Amino acid sequence: MPNINSAIKRVKTSEKANSANSAKKSAMRRSIRRFEEAIASGDDNAKELYQVAQKAIDSAASKGLIHSNKAARDKSRLAAKLSK
């Protein structure tokens, strides 16, 4: 643990940011997984789940949690699964 006040504050803010980023990334993965499960089981709400997953991917990319190329690749794969 640091002794300098500014370093102590920095540790607190970085821990808070880390937990928020982890939660957002986990929510993105969860929405992708829900969409893929809906496609596998042939549910009717796959289109809505696709839109939710796409929004989560875009949000993560805009926040810098994932690279923009990974976001494009993931969205492309989901769109291909939806069209089948």
C-alpha atoms as a PDB file:
ATOM      1  CA  MET A   1       0.000   0.000   0.000  1.00  0.00           C
ATOM      2  CA  PRO A   2       1.415   3.410  -0.937  1.00  0.00           C
ATOM      3  CA  ASN A   3       2.226   6.056   1.662  1.00  0.00           C
ATOM      4  CA  ILE A   4       1.662   9.175  -0.439  1.00  0.00           C
ATOM      5  CA  ASN A   5      -1.885  10.545  -0.376  1.00  0.00           C
ATOM      6  CA  SER A   6      -2.194  11.009  -4.130  1.00  0.00           C
ATOM      7  CA  ALA A   7      -0.976   7.438  -4.702  1.00  0.00           C
ATOM      8  CA  ILE A   8      -3.533   6.129  -2.184  1.00  0.00           C
ATOM      9  CA  LYS A   9      -6.299   7.986  -4.037  1.00  0.00           C
ATOM     10  CA  ARG A  10      -5.017   6.642  -7.343  1.00  0.00           C
ATOM     11  CA  VAL A  11      -5.205   3.062  -6.057  1.00  0.00           C
ATOM     12  CA  LYS A  12      -8.814   3.623  -4.976  1.00  0.00           C
ATOM     13  CA  THR A  13      -9.865   5.119  -8.313  1.00  0.00           C
ATOM     14  CA  SER A  14      -8.093   2.467 -10.326  1.00  0.00           C
ATOM     15  CA  GLU A  15      -9.785  -0.296  -8.302  1.00  0.00           C
ATOM     16  CA  LYS A  16     -13.156   1.345  -8.868  1.00  0.00           C
ATOM     17  CA  ALA A  17     -12.502   1.698 -12.605  1.00  0.00           C
ATOM     18  CA  ASN A  18     -11.251  -1.894 -12.810  1.00  0.00           C
ATOM     19  CA  SER A  19     -14.408  -3.270 -11.224  1.00  0.00           C
ATOM     20  CA  ALA A  20     -16.631  -1.123 -13.472  1.00  0.00           C
ATOM     21  CA  ASN A  21     -14.733  -2.186 -16.600  1.00  0.00           C
ATOM     22  CA  SER A  22     -14.884  -5.845 -15.581  1.00  0.00           C
ATOM     23  CA  ALA A  23     -18.635  -5.584 -15.060  1.00  0.00           C
ATOM     24  CA  LYS A  24     -19.176  -3.964 -18.476  1.00  0.00           C
ATOM     25  CA  LYS A  25     -17.022  -6.541 -20.222  1.00  0.00           C
ATOM     26  CA  SER A  26     -18.798  -9.373 -18.423  1.00  0.00           C
ATOM     27  CA  ALA A  27     -22.197  -7.941 -19.397  1.00  0.00           C
ATOM     28  CA  MET A  28     -21.038  -7.817 -23.022  1.00  0.00           C
ATOM     29  CA  ARG A  29     -19.958 -11.456 -22.932  1.00  0.00           C
ATOM     30  CA  ARG A  30     -23.212 -12.435 -21.231  1.00  0.00           C
ATOM     31  CA  SER A  31     -25.329 -10.748 -23.916  1.00  0.00           C
ATOM     32  CA  ILE A  32     -23.326 -12.507 -26.646  1.00  0.00           C
ATOM     33  CA  ARG A  33     -23.768 -15.852 -24.892  1.00  0.00           C
ATOM     34  CA  ARG A  34     -27.531 -15.314 -24.532  1.00  0.00           C
ATOM     35  CA  PHE A  35     -27.800 -14.568 -28.245  1.00  0.00           C
ATOM     36  CA  GLU A  36     -25.793 -17.656 -29.207  1.00  0.00           C
ATOM     37  CA  GLU A  37     -27.906 -19.853 -26.920  1.00  0.00           C
ATOM     38  CA  ALA A  38     -31.089 -18.438 -28.468  1.00  0.00           C
ATOM     39  CA  ILE A  39     -29.778 -19.203 -31.958  1.00  0.00           C
ATOM     40  CA  ALA A  40     -28.824 -22.738 -30.933  1.00  0.00           C
ATOM     41  CA  SER A  41     -32.248 -23.436 -29.440  1.00  0.00           C
ATOM     42  CA  GLY A  42     -34.125 -21.652 -32.233  1.00  0.00           C
ATOM     43  CA  ASP A  43     -35.881 -19.062 -30.066  1.00  0.00           C
ATOM     44  CA  ASP A  44     -38.035 -16.365 -31.623  1.00  0.00           C
ATOM     45  CA  ASN A  45     -36.382 -13.493 -29.754  1.00  0.00           C
ATOM     46  CA  ALA A  46     -32.974 -13.970 -31.386  1.00  0.00           C
ATOM     47  CA  LYS A  47     -33.294 -10.693 -33.320  1.00  0.00           C
ATOM     48  CA  GLU A  48     -33.861  -8.674 -30.126  1.00  0.00           C
ATOM     49  CA  LEU A  49     -30.979 -10.452 -28.394  1.00  0.00           C
ATOM     50  CA  TYR A  50     -28.798  -9.703 -31.424  1.00  0.00           C
ATOM     51  CA  GLN A  51     -29.535  -6.003 -31.078  1.00  0.00           C
ATOM     52  CA  VAL A  52     -28.772  -6.091 -27.353  1.00  0.00           C
ATOM     53  CA  ALA A  53     -25.475  -7.889 -27.992  1.00  0.00           C
ATOM     54  CA  GLN A  54     -24.550  -5.478 -30.765  1.00  0.00           C
ATOM     55  CA  LYS A  55     -25.216  -2.509 -28.491  1.00  0.00           C
ATOM     56  CA  ALA A  56     -23.107  -4.037 -25.719  1.00  0.00           C
ATOM     57  CA  ILE A  57     -20.229  -4.653 -28.132  1.00  0.00           C
ATOM     58  CA  ASP A  58     -20.398  -1.077 -29.452  1.00  0.00           C
ATOM     59  CA  SER A  59     -20.469   0.279 -25.920  1.00  0.00           C
ATOM     60  CA  ALA A  60     -17.435  -1.748 -24.875  1.00  0.00           C
ATOM     61  CA  ALA A  61     -15.523  -0.640 -27.958  1.00  0.00           C
ATOM     62  CA  SER A  62     -16.332   3.024 -27.413  1.00  0.00           C
ATOM     63  CA  LYS A  63     -15.156   2.806 -23.802  1.00  0.00           C
ATOM     64  CA  GLY A  64     -11.887   1.185 -24.879  1.00  0.00           C
ATOM     65  CA  LEU A  65     -12.568  -2.156 -23.215  1.00  0.00           C
ATOM     66  CA  ILE A  66     -12.099  -4.015 -26.482  1.00  0.00           C
ATOM     67  CA  HIS A  67     -10.380  -3.031 -29.708  1.00  0.00           C
ATOM     68  CA  SER A  68     -12.533  -1.667 -32.516  1.00  0.00           C
ATOM     69  CA  ASN A  69     -11.410  -4.490 -34.830  1.00  0.00           C
ATOM     70  CA  LYS A  70     -12.520  -7.084 -32.271  1.00  0.00           C
ATOM     71  CA  ALA A  71     -15.876  -5.324 -32.004  1.00  0.00           C
ATOM     72  CA  ALA A  72     -16.323  -5.424 -35.781  1.00  0.00           C
ATOM     73  CA  ARG A  73     -15.272  -9.082 -35.911  1.00  0.00           C
ATOM     74  CA  ASP A  74     -17.674 -10.068 -33.116  1.00  0.00           C
ATOM     75  CA  LYS A  75     -20.584  -8.177 -34.675  1.00  0.00           C
ATOM     76  CA  SER A  76     -19.866  -9.774 -38.045  1.00  0.00           C
ATOM     77  CA  ARG A  77     -19.878 -13.261 -36.542  1.00  0.00           C
ATOM     78  CA  LEU A  78     -23.149 -12.604 -34.728  1.00  0.00           C
ATOM     79  CA  ALA A  79     -24.755 -11.274 -37.919  1.00  0.00           C
ATOM     80  CA  ALA A  80     -23.631 -14.383 -39.797  1.00  0.00           C
ATOM     81  CA  LYS A  81     -25.163 -16.611 -37.132  1.00  0.00           C
ATOM     82  CA  LEU A  82     -28.409 -14.633 -37.258  1.00  0.00           C
ATOM     83  CA  SER A  83     -28.708 -14.921 -41.039  1.00  0.00           C
ATOM     84  CA  LYS A  84     -28.348 -18.722 -41.072  1.00  0.00           C
END
